N, C-alpha and C. Protein backbone atom coordinates (compact mmCIF):
# COMPACT_ATOMS: atom_id res chain seq x y z
N MET A 1 10.14 -6.23 132.16
CA MET A 1 8.63 -5.96 131.98
C MET A 1 8.23 -4.58 132.65
N SER A 2 7.47 -3.90 132.39
CA SER A 2 7.04 -2.36 133.34
C SER A 2 6.56 -2.66 134.57
N VAL A 3 6.53 -1.50 135.17
CA VAL A 3 5.68 -1.87 136.49
C VAL A 3 4.00 -2.27 136.32
N ARG A 4 3.93 -1.10 135.07
CA ARG A 4 2.38 -1.29 134.57
C ARG A 4 2.10 -2.69 134.02
N SER A 5 2.86 -3.47 133.39
CA SER A 5 2.73 -4.72 132.93
C SER A 5 2.64 -5.77 134.13
N LYS A 6 3.52 -5.52 135.04
CA LYS A 6 3.38 -6.34 135.95
C LYS A 6 2.34 -6.13 137.09
N ILE A 7 1.54 -5.20 137.27
CA ILE A 7 0.19 -4.69 137.98
C ILE A 7 -0.68 -5.49 136.96
N PHE A 8 -0.90 -5.29 135.66
CA PHE A 8 -1.81 -5.80 135.03
C PHE A 8 -1.87 -7.42 134.87
N ALA A 9 -0.32 -7.75 134.84
CA ALA A 9 -0.54 -9.27 135.09
C ALA A 9 -0.93 -9.93 136.43
N ALA A 10 -0.81 -9.18 137.47
CA ALA A 10 -1.01 -9.48 138.68
C ALA A 10 -2.41 -9.93 138.87
N MET A 11 -3.08 -8.43 138.41
CA MET A 11 -4.51 -8.46 138.39
C MET A 11 -4.97 -9.37 137.59
N GLN A 12 -4.69 -9.79 136.52
CA GLN A 12 -5.37 -10.97 135.70
C GLN A 12 -5.13 -12.18 136.40
N GLN A 13 -4.22 -12.42 136.93
CA GLN A 13 -3.88 -13.78 137.76
C GLN A 13 -5.05 -13.87 138.80
N ILE A 14 -4.95 -12.78 139.49
CA ILE A 14 -5.82 -12.67 140.80
C ILE A 14 -7.33 -12.91 140.22
N ALA A 15 -7.80 -12.32 139.35
CA ALA A 15 -9.05 -12.37 138.85
C ALA A 15 -9.36 -13.83 138.34
N GLU A 16 -8.49 -14.39 137.88
CA GLU A 16 -8.67 -15.89 137.69
C GLU A 16 -8.86 -16.47 138.80
N GLU A 17 -7.94 -16.46 139.73
CA GLU A 17 -8.05 -17.17 141.07
C GLU A 17 -9.10 -17.08 141.87
N GLN A 18 -9.82 -15.70 141.81
CA GLN A 18 -10.91 -15.40 142.57
C GLN A 18 -12.10 -15.37 141.84
N LYS A 19 -11.89 -15.93 140.52
CA LYS A 19 -13.22 -15.83 139.69
C LYS A 19 -13.92 -14.78 139.27
N VAL A 20 -13.20 -13.48 139.11
CA VAL A 20 -13.40 -12.27 138.80
C VAL A 20 -13.48 -12.08 137.32
N LYS A 21 -14.67 -11.40 136.66
CA LYS A 21 -14.37 -11.03 135.51
C LYS A 21 -13.99 -9.72 135.26
N LEU A 22 -12.90 -9.47 134.95
CA LEU A 22 -12.08 -8.12 134.71
C LEU A 22 -12.45 -7.76 133.70
N PRO A 23 -12.68 -6.27 133.78
CA PRO A 23 -13.25 -5.64 132.68
C PRO A 23 -11.76 -5.11 131.91
N PRO A 24 -11.67 -4.42 130.73
CA PRO A 24 -10.44 -4.24 130.24
C PRO A 24 -9.74 -3.00 131.05
N LEU A 25 -8.36 -3.41 131.42
CA LEU A 25 -7.68 -2.43 132.39
C LEU A 25 -7.37 -0.96 131.72
N LEU A 26 -7.98 -0.14 131.73
CA LEU A 26 -8.13 1.12 131.33
C LEU A 26 -7.44 2.15 132.45
N ASP A 27 -6.81 3.10 132.18
CA ASP A 27 -6.31 4.29 133.26
C ASP A 27 -7.82 4.88 133.93
N ASP A 28 -8.95 4.99 133.27
CA ASP A 28 -9.88 5.68 133.95
C ASP A 28 -10.88 4.75 134.53
N LEU A 29 -10.69 3.47 134.50
CA LEU A 29 -11.29 2.62 135.05
C LEU A 29 -11.27 2.59 136.65
N SER A 30 -12.56 2.82 137.09
CA SER A 30 -12.65 2.86 138.66
C SER A 30 -12.21 1.49 139.05
N LEU A 31 -11.27 1.56 140.13
CA LEU A 31 -10.86 0.42 140.96
C LEU A 31 -12.30 -0.39 141.50
N HIS A 32 -13.51 0.29 141.90
CA HIS A 32 -14.58 -0.35 142.00
C HIS A 32 -15.25 -1.07 140.95
N ASP A 33 -15.00 -0.74 139.87
CA ASP A 33 -15.49 -1.63 138.66
C ASP A 33 -14.49 -2.55 138.02
N THR A 34 -13.54 -2.80 139.10
CA THR A 34 -12.64 -3.88 138.47
C THR A 34 -13.42 -5.33 139.06
N GLY A 35 -14.35 -5.29 139.87
CA GLY A 35 -14.98 -6.50 140.48
C GLY A 35 -14.26 -7.18 141.61
N PHE A 36 -12.86 -6.29 141.91
CA PHE A 36 -12.25 -6.98 143.01
C PHE A 36 -12.78 -6.33 144.43
N ASP A 37 -12.62 -7.36 145.31
CA ASP A 37 -13.13 -7.08 146.66
C ASP A 37 -11.95 -6.78 147.36
N SER A 38 -12.12 -6.66 148.80
CA SER A 38 -11.03 -5.85 149.63
C SER A 38 -9.84 -7.31 149.78
N LEU A 39 -10.33 -8.56 149.59
CA LEU A 39 -9.52 -9.69 149.67
C LEU A 39 -8.46 -9.71 148.51
N ALA A 40 -9.15 -9.20 147.45
CA ALA A 40 -8.68 -9.54 145.88
C ALA A 40 -7.43 -8.33 145.94
N PHE A 41 -7.86 -7.03 146.63
CA PHE A 41 -7.11 -6.11 146.57
C PHE A 41 -5.66 -6.31 147.64
N ALA A 42 -6.07 -6.73 148.61
CA ALA A 42 -4.91 -7.27 149.50
C ALA A 42 -4.17 -8.05 149.22
N ILE A 43 -4.48 -9.10 148.28
CA ILE A 43 -3.63 -10.25 147.56
C ILE A 43 -2.88 -9.44 146.69
N LEU A 44 -3.20 -8.47 145.87
CA LEU A 44 -2.71 -7.66 144.62
C LEU A 44 -1.61 -7.19 145.34
N VAL A 45 -1.87 -6.28 146.60
CA VAL A 45 -0.74 -5.51 147.17
C VAL A 45 0.25 -6.38 147.53
N ALA A 46 0.07 -7.53 148.18
CA ALA A 46 0.98 -8.13 148.73
C ALA A 46 1.89 -8.90 147.91
N ARG A 47 1.20 -9.47 146.80
CA ARG A 47 1.94 -9.95 145.43
C ARG A 47 3.03 -8.85 144.84
N LEU A 48 2.40 -7.66 144.77
CA LEU A 48 3.20 -6.71 144.31
C LEU A 48 4.40 -6.31 145.09
N GLU A 49 4.03 -6.30 146.28
CA GLU A 49 5.42 -6.10 147.53
C GLU A 49 6.34 -7.28 147.17
N ASP A 50 6.14 -8.52 147.00
CA ASP A 50 6.89 -9.59 146.98
C ASP A 50 7.56 -9.45 145.54
N ASP A 51 6.96 -9.05 144.62
CA ASP A 51 7.72 -9.02 143.25
C ASP A 51 8.50 -7.66 142.95
N LEU A 52 7.56 -6.54 143.48
CA LEU A 52 8.49 -5.22 143.13
C LEU A 52 9.23 -4.79 144.29
N ARG A 53 9.26 -5.44 145.54
CA ARG A 53 9.82 -5.35 146.53
C ARG A 53 9.58 -3.60 147.19
N ILE A 54 8.22 -3.58 147.02
CA ILE A 54 7.89 -2.05 147.54
C ILE A 54 6.27 -2.19 147.93
N ASP A 55 6.09 -1.52 149.12
CA ASP A 55 4.64 -1.41 149.19
C ASP A 55 4.35 0.14 149.42
N PRO A 56 4.19 0.80 148.42
CA PRO A 56 3.81 2.60 148.49
C PRO A 56 2.85 2.86 149.68
N PHE A 57 1.93 2.06 150.09
CA PHE A 57 0.80 2.35 151.14
C PHE A 57 1.34 2.23 152.36
N THR A 58 2.54 1.55 152.82
CA THR A 58 3.26 1.90 153.97
C THR A 58 4.27 2.77 154.02
N ILE A 59 4.88 2.88 153.01
CA ILE A 59 5.86 4.09 152.95
C ILE A 59 5.81 5.38 152.85
N ALA A 60 4.43 5.41 152.41
CA ALA A 60 4.01 6.94 151.99
C ALA A 60 3.43 7.63 153.48
N GLU A 61 3.84 8.81 153.86
CA GLU A 61 3.24 9.36 154.70
C GLU A 61 1.63 9.67 154.90
N ASP A 62 1.27 10.23 153.63
CA ASP A 62 0.01 10.49 153.27
C ASP A 62 -0.72 9.66 152.38
N ALA A 63 -0.51 8.21 152.44
CA ALA A 63 -0.84 7.53 151.57
C ALA A 63 -2.47 7.44 151.50
N ALA A 64 -2.93 7.70 150.33
CA ALA A 64 -4.53 7.45 150.29
C ALA A 64 -4.75 6.48 149.20
N PHE A 65 -5.81 5.53 149.19
CA PHE A 65 -5.75 4.65 148.16
C PHE A 65 -6.64 5.19 146.86
N PRO A 66 -5.90 4.82 145.84
CA PRO A 66 -6.14 5.24 144.66
C PRO A 66 -7.66 5.21 144.20
N SER A 67 -8.63 5.83 143.43
CA SER A 67 -9.82 5.43 142.87
C SER A 67 -9.69 4.88 141.40
N THR A 68 -8.71 4.78 140.64
CA THR A 68 -8.72 4.18 139.19
C THR A 68 -7.61 3.48 139.05
N VAL A 69 -7.77 2.73 138.28
CA VAL A 69 -6.65 1.76 137.66
C VAL A 69 -5.09 2.59 137.41
N GLY A 70 -5.52 3.80 136.75
CA GLY A 70 -4.42 4.62 136.49
C GLY A 70 -3.75 5.21 137.83
N GLU A 71 -4.39 5.54 138.49
CA GLU A 71 -3.62 6.25 139.79
C GLU A 71 -3.51 5.03 140.67
N PHE A 72 -3.69 3.89 140.77
CA PHE A 72 -2.97 2.75 141.16
C PHE A 72 -1.92 2.61 140.70
N VAL A 73 -1.60 2.63 139.19
CA VAL A 73 -0.13 2.29 138.55
C VAL A 73 0.65 3.56 139.15
N ARG A 74 0.36 4.40 138.88
CA ARG A 74 1.16 5.68 139.40
C ARG A 74 1.69 5.86 140.77
N VAL A 75 0.79 5.27 141.55
CA VAL A 75 1.18 5.03 142.92
C VAL A 75 2.51 4.23 142.90
N TYR A 76 2.44 3.04 142.33
CA TYR A 76 3.87 1.96 142.35
C TYR A 76 5.02 2.56 141.48
N GLU A 77 4.71 3.28 140.20
CA GLU A 77 5.64 3.95 139.31
C GLU A 77 6.46 5.15 140.10
N ASN A 78 5.54 5.89 140.97
CA ASN A 78 6.24 6.96 141.29
C ASN A 78 7.00 6.94 142.74
N VAL A 79 7.18 5.60 143.19
CA VAL A 79 7.92 5.42 144.49
C VAL A 79 9.35 5.67 144.24
N PRO A 80 9.83 6.59 145.28
CA PRO A 80 11.38 7.06 145.13
C PRO A 80 11.89 5.65 145.32
N ALA A 81 13.27 5.51 144.55
CA ALA A 81 13.88 4.57 144.55
C ALA A 81 14.90 4.27 145.71
């Protein structure tokens, strides 16, 4: 399963748990428009850290939180091995 697929699956699961109506996940979708609040994003990052064994927001020196779904995925895809 690709990183993108794992992120999308985690987002869909969290949306169900948090009772959020998640729009279609497209690269240019603003993270604000996902309907996720700060708790949902915290859960997402924690689950991805458990699943992927990385947290790009703590290992990057200049980590800025992405603004779109595509940017969020690329942050995870571009973490050095």
